[in-house]
Amino acid sequence: MAPIYPGNYNSKILVEMWSDFIDWGKRRKGENGFLIRQLKRFNCKRVFDACLGDGADSLYLIKEGLEVTSNDIDKLFIEKAKSHAKDAGVNLNITEFDWLELDKHLEKESFDAVLCLGNSLTYLFERKEQLKALKNFYHILRKGGILIIDERNYQQLLDKRKEILEEGKFSYSRKYVYCGDKVHGEPVEISDDKVKMQYTDERTGKKGYLILYPFKKNELLQLIKESGFKKVEKFSDYKTADPLADFHQYVCVK
């Protein structure tokens, strides 16, 4: 998870259900090797996973032989990731830095790759904070290194907000990023400056919530370029760019 500010969500409930919401195995299948291909393509060895969460990506990359520093500031998610790491027989190297202060804690050009996955930058609502975080990711990357960052296709939610909220017609493929079939996420509030997502565990009826910033079409891409990245490749659901996709991914070269 990214830096989370008080009141954004019920962390304890979300931590309990998050792995089932992701479904680690289906996530890797839907990704179809995309993450490793990009890291190998740019000769990346030292990786900064900016949003450890429950450990899904960090543990995967460590098992693939990469040197991973895993960052989070949510204590409950850190403990969950540690538990998963113990079960997997893997050691995590964990930092607890706010993205807005990375330049104070990490040396310039100290990583080959930075990952900001799981739609995590949308936890920051102010443009200046979003830009500062991206600039700090740029700061810790070596020349020729990459930032891999993703976002939910919020433009689709904004365009279809009436039918989603009034008619209950929200759906996504569950093939990419969030793939579980036991925990469901759906928007219950949609406005131009925030989306409130509700996560329901169908087995227990428990609900958790996240309030997220909805990037408009090309808004994140513009921020990425403004932060210093000159070469940016856009993918959708890990394939060719598609305005109707569930998620977009960006590979940004320093």
Protein backbone atom coordinates (compact mmCIF):
# COMPACT_ATOMS: atom_id res chain seq x y z
CA MET A 1 0.00 0.00 0.00
CA ALA A 2 1.01 3.60 -0.55
CA PRO A 3 1.19 6.31 2.09
CA ILE A 4 -2.26 6.27 3.67
CA TYR A 5 -3.68 9.19 5.54
CA PRO A 6 -5.98 8.85 8.59
CA GLY A 7 -9.60 8.21 7.78
CA ASN A 8 -9.01 6.83 4.32
CA TYR A 9 -10.01 3.28 5.07
CA ASN A 10 -10.52 0.50 7.60
CA SER A 11 -7.06 -1.03 7.44
CA LYS A 12 -7.65 -4.07 9.64
CA ILE A 13 -10.57 -5.38 7.58
CA LEU A 14 -8.82 -4.71 4.26
CA VAL A 15 -5.66 -6.45 5.41
CA GLU A 16 -7.70 -9.54 6.25
CA MET A 17 -9.25 -9.76 2.80
CA TRP A 18 -6.61 -8.22 0.52
CA SER A 19 -4.83 -11.40 -0.56
CA ASP A 20 -8.15 -12.93 -1.56
CA PHE A 21 -9.03 -9.75 -3.43
CA ILE A 22 -5.77 -9.96 -5.40
CA ASP A 23 -5.51 -13.76 -5.79
CA TRP A 24 -1.74 -13.96 -6.23
CA GLY A 25 -1.80 -16.89 -8.64
CA LYS A 26 -4.38 -15.38 -10.99
CA ARG A 27 -2.59 -12.04 -10.87
CA ARG A 28 0.62 -13.62 -12.11
CA LYS A 29 -1.29 -15.53 -14.77
CA GLY A 30 -3.04 -12.40 -16.01
CA GLU A 31 0.23 -10.50 -16.02
CA ASN A 32 1.74 -13.26 -18.16
CA GLY A 33 5.36 -12.43 -17.32
CA PHE A 34 5.02 -8.71 -18.07
CA LEU A 35 6.81 -7.52 -14.94
CA ILE A 36 9.83 -9.78 -15.26
CA ARG A 37 10.11 -9.11 -18.99
CA GLN A 38 10.32 -5.37 -18.44
CA LEU A 39 12.86 -5.69 -15.64
CA LYS A 40 15.06 -7.98 -17.72
CA ARG A 41 14.65 -5.79 -20.76
CA PHE A 42 16.26 -2.88 -18.90
CA ASN A 43 18.82 -5.01 -17.03
CA CYS A 44 17.30 -4.30 -13.63
CA LYS A 45 18.65 -6.03 -10.55
CA ARG A 46 18.03 -3.60 -7.67
CA VAL A 47 14.30 -2.96 -7.28
CA PHE A 48 12.45 -0.57 -4.99
CA ASP A 49 8.90 -1.84 -4.45
CA ALA A 50 7.29 1.41 -3.34
CA CYS A 51 4.09 -0.25 -2.09
CA LEU A 52 4.73 -3.59 -0.42
CA GLY A 53 1.12 -4.21 0.60
CA ASP A 54 0.65 -7.88 1.45
CA GLY A 55 3.90 -8.80 -0.30
CA ALA A 56 2.57 -10.18 -3.58
CA ASP A 57 5.06 -8.49 -5.90
CA SER A 58 8.08 -8.32 -3.61
CA LEU A 59 8.03 -12.03 -2.81
CA TYR A 60 7.58 -12.91 -6.47
CA LEU A 61 10.56 -10.80 -7.53
CA ILE A 62 12.81 -12.04 -4.73
CA LYS A 63 12.08 -15.61 -5.80
CA GLU A 64 13.06 -14.57 -9.32
CA GLY A 65 16.49 -13.59 -8.00
CA LEU A 66 16.14 -9.80 -7.82
CA GLU A 67 17.42 -7.59 -4.98
CA VAL A 68 14.25 -6.01 -3.61
CA THR A 69 13.76 -3.25 -1.08
CA SER A 70 10.11 -3.28 -0.01
CA ASN A 71 8.52 -0.09 1.25
CA ASP A 72 5.29 0.61 3.11
CA ILE A 73 4.08 2.78 5.97
CA ASP A 74 1.03 0.74 6.95
CA LYS A 75 2.02 -1.36 9.98
CA LEU A 76 -0.74 -3.91 9.51
CA PHE A 77 0.13 -4.57 5.89
CA ILE A 78 3.80 -4.84 6.80
CA GLU A 79 2.99 -7.51 9.37
CA LYS A 80 0.85 -9.38 6.83
CA ALA A 81 3.68 -9.26 4.29
CA LYS A 82 6.13 -10.55 6.90
CA SER A 83 3.79 -13.43 7.64
CA HIS A 84 3.56 -14.33 3.95
CA ALA A 85 7.34 -14.06 3.64
CA LYS A 86 7.85 -16.40 6.58
CA ASP A 87 5.49 -18.95 5.06
CA ALA A 88 7.42 -18.69 1.77
CA GLY A 89 10.82 -18.94 3.43
CA VAL A 90 11.81 -15.52 2.08
CA ASN A 91 13.48 -12.59 3.86
CA LEU A 92 12.11 -9.12 3.19
CA ASN A 93 14.20 -5.95 3.32
CA ILE A 94 11.61 -3.45 4.52
CA THR A 95 11.70 0.34 4.68
CA GLU A 96 8.94 2.57 6.03
CA PHE A 97 9.38 5.83 4.13
CA ASP A 98 6.73 8.28 3.00
CA TRP A 99 7.06 8.70 -0.76
CA LEU A 100 7.20 12.46 -0.28
CA GLU A 101 10.42 12.09 1.72
CA LEU A 102 12.27 9.41 -0.25
CA ASP A 103 14.91 11.92 -1.33
CA LYS A 104 15.76 12.47 2.34
CA HIS A 105 16.30 8.77 3.04
CA LEU A 106 17.58 7.15 -0.16
CA GLU A 107 20.60 8.03 -2.24
CA LYS A 108 20.32 9.35 -5.75
CA GLU A 109 20.47 6.68 -8.48
CA SER A 110 20.45 3.82 -5.96
CA PHE A 111 17.97 1.56 -7.82
CA ASP A 112 17.56 0.09 -11.29
CA ALA A 113 13.78 -0.02 -11.05
CA VAL A 114 10.97 1.44 -8.98
CA LEU A 115 7.59 -0.27 -8.85
CA CYS A 116 4.41 1.57 -7.91
CA LEU A 117 1.77 -1.05 -8.62
CA GLY A 118 -1.71 -1.91 -7.44
CA ASN A 119 -3.17 1.46 -8.44
CA SER A 120 -1.34 2.95 -5.47
CA LEU A 121 -0.48 6.50 -6.54
CA THR A 122 -4.19 7.27 -6.36
CA TYR A 123 -3.88 7.43 -2.57
CA LEU A 124 -2.40 10.90 -3.09
CA PHE A 125 -5.02 13.56 -3.85
CA GLU A 126 -3.02 16.74 -4.37
CA ARG A 127 -1.26 17.30 -7.67
CA LYS A 128 1.82 18.68 -5.96
CA GLU A 129 2.09 15.52 -3.83
CA GLN A 130 1.61 13.23 -6.82
CA LEU A 131 4.33 15.12 -8.69
CA LYS A 132 6.67 15.12 -5.69
CA ALA A 133 6.32 11.35 -5.30
CA LEU A 134 7.06 10.80 -9.00
CA LYS A 135 10.07 13.12 -8.83
CA ASN A 136 11.37 11.16 -5.85
CA PHE A 137 11.00 7.90 -7.78
CA TYR A 138 12.97 9.55 -10.57
CA HIS A 139 15.60 10.72 -8.06
CA ILE A 140 16.42 7.23 -6.77
CA LEU A 141 16.63 5.65 -10.23
CA ARG A 142 19.92 5.25 -12.08
CA LYS A 143 20.15 6.60 -15.60
CA GLY A 144 18.44 4.13 -17.89
CA GLY A 145 16.46 2.68 -15.00
CA ILE A 146 12.68 2.35 -15.08
CA LEU A 147 9.59 3.22 -13.13
CA ILE A 148 6.73 0.78 -13.65
CA ILE A 149 3.49 2.33 -12.45
CA ASP A 150 -0.15 1.47 -13.04
CA GLU A 151 -3.60 2.98 -12.65
CA ARG A 152 -7.18 1.80 -12.77
CA ASN A 153 -9.02 3.06 -15.83
CA TYR A 154 -10.78 5.78 -13.87
CA GLN A 155 -11.96 7.56 -17.00
CA GLN A 156 -14.29 4.63 -17.60
CA LEU A 157 -15.73 5.01 -14.11
CA LEU A 158 -16.19 8.75 -14.57
CA ASP A 159 -17.81 8.34 -17.97
CA LYS A 160 -20.19 5.65 -16.71
CA ARG A 161 -20.85 6.94 -13.20
CA LYS A 162 -24.61 7.20 -13.67
CA GLU A 163 -25.13 3.62 -14.80
CA ILE A 164 -22.67 2.35 -12.18
CA LEU A 165 -24.23 4.16 -9.23
CA GLU A 166 -27.89 4.30 -10.27
CA GLU A 167 -28.21 1.08 -12.24
CA GLY A 168 -25.60 -1.07 -10.53
CA LYS A 169 -23.83 -1.84 -13.80
CA PHE A 170 -20.24 -2.03 -12.62
CA SER A 171 -18.06 -4.86 -13.85
CA TYR A 172 -14.43 -5.63 -14.52
CA SER A 173 -12.75 -8.70 -15.91
CA ARG A 174 -10.96 -9.87 -12.73
CA LYS A 175 -8.14 -11.03 -14.99
CA TYR A 176 -5.63 -8.31 -14.14
CA VAL A 177 -4.30 -6.83 -10.86
CA TYR A 178 -7.35 -7.70 -8.71
CA CYS A 179 -8.42 -11.20 -9.65
CA GLY A 180 -10.06 -12.82 -6.62
CA ASP A 181 -13.56 -14.25 -6.73
CA LYS A 182 -14.29 -14.22 -2.99
CA VAL A 183 -13.79 -10.51 -2.35
CA HIS A 184 -15.43 -7.96 -4.61
CA GLY A 185 -14.59 -4.29 -5.06
CA GLU A 186 -17.01 -1.73 -6.47
CA PRO A 187 -17.32 2.06 -6.46
CA VAL A 188 -20.06 3.40 -4.21
CA GLU A 189 -19.25 7.09 -4.70
CA ILE A 190 -17.83 8.67 -7.86
CA SER A 191 -16.96 12.32 -8.33
CA ASP A 192 -14.34 14.20 -10.33
CA ASP A 193 -12.01 14.41 -7.34
CA LYS A 194 -12.59 11.14 -5.49
CA VAL A 195 -13.85 7.59 -5.82
CA LYS A 196 -14.93 5.60 -2.80
CA MET A 197 -14.43 1.87 -3.30
CA GLN A 198 -16.24 -0.71 -1.19
CA TYR A 199 -14.68 -4.15 -0.75
CA THR A 200 -16.96 -6.98 0.38
CA ASP A 201 -15.96 -10.46 1.50
CA GLU A 202 -18.86 -12.59 0.29
CA ARG A 203 -18.02 -15.29 2.87
CA THR A 204 -18.27 -13.08 5.95
CA GLY A 205 -20.12 -9.99 4.75
CA LYS A 206 -17.33 -7.78 6.08
CA LYS A 207 -16.74 -4.54 4.22
CA GLY A 208 -13.72 -2.30 3.86
CA TYR A 209 -13.34 1.02 2.08
CA LEU A 210 -10.75 3.06 0.19
CA ILE A 211 -11.05 6.64 -0.96
CA LEU A 212 -8.98 7.19 -4.10
CA TYR A 213 -8.10 9.94 -6.52
CA PRO A 214 -9.45 9.26 -10.04
CA PHE A 215 -6.85 10.15 -12.65
CA LYS A 216 -8.47 11.50 -15.78
CA LYS A 217 -7.43 10.44 -19.28
CA ASN A 218 -3.70 11.12 -19.79
CA GLU A 219 -3.45 12.97 -16.46
CA LEU A 220 -1.01 10.50 -14.92
CA LEU A 221 0.95 10.31 -18.16
CA GLN A 222 1.39 14.09 -18.11
CA LEU A 223 2.57 13.99 -14.48
CA ILE A 224 5.07 11.27 -15.31
CA LYS A 225 6.55 13.37 -18.10
CA GLU A 226 6.56 16.49 -15.96
CA SER A 227 8.50 14.65 -13.25
CA GLY A 228 11.38 14.11 -15.66
CA PHE A 229 10.71 10.91 -17.57
CA LYS A 230 11.14 11.53 -21.30
CA LYS A 231 10.42 8.05 -22.65
CA VAL A 232 7.16 6.46 -21.50
CA GLU A 233 5.46 3.36 -22.92
CA LYS A 234 1.80 2.81 -22.14
CA PHE A 235 0.20 -0.61 -21.92
CA SER A 236 -3.36 -1.65 -21.07
CA ASP A 237 -4.02 -4.88 -19.19
CA TYR A 238 -0.35 -5.65 -19.98
CA LYS A 239 -0.95 -5.44 -23.73
CA THR A 240 -1.51 -2.76 -26.37
CA ALA A 241 -2.96 0.52 -25.13
CA ASP A 242 -6.76 0.25 -24.98
CA PRO A 243 -9.18 2.93 -23.70
CA LEU A 244 -11.60 0.20 -22.56
CA ALA A 245 -9.10 -1.78 -20.47
CA ASP A 246 -9.43 -2.39 -16.73
CA PHE A 247 -5.96 -1.02 -15.93
CA HIS A 248 -3.16 0.90 -17.63
CA GLN A 249 0.55 0.30 -17.06
CA TYR A 250 3.39 2.71 -17.79
CA VAL A 251 7.05 1.81 -18.27
CA CYS A 252 8.98 5.06 -17.75
CA VAL A 253 12.68 5.31 -18.58
CA LYS A 254 15.04 7.74 -16.87
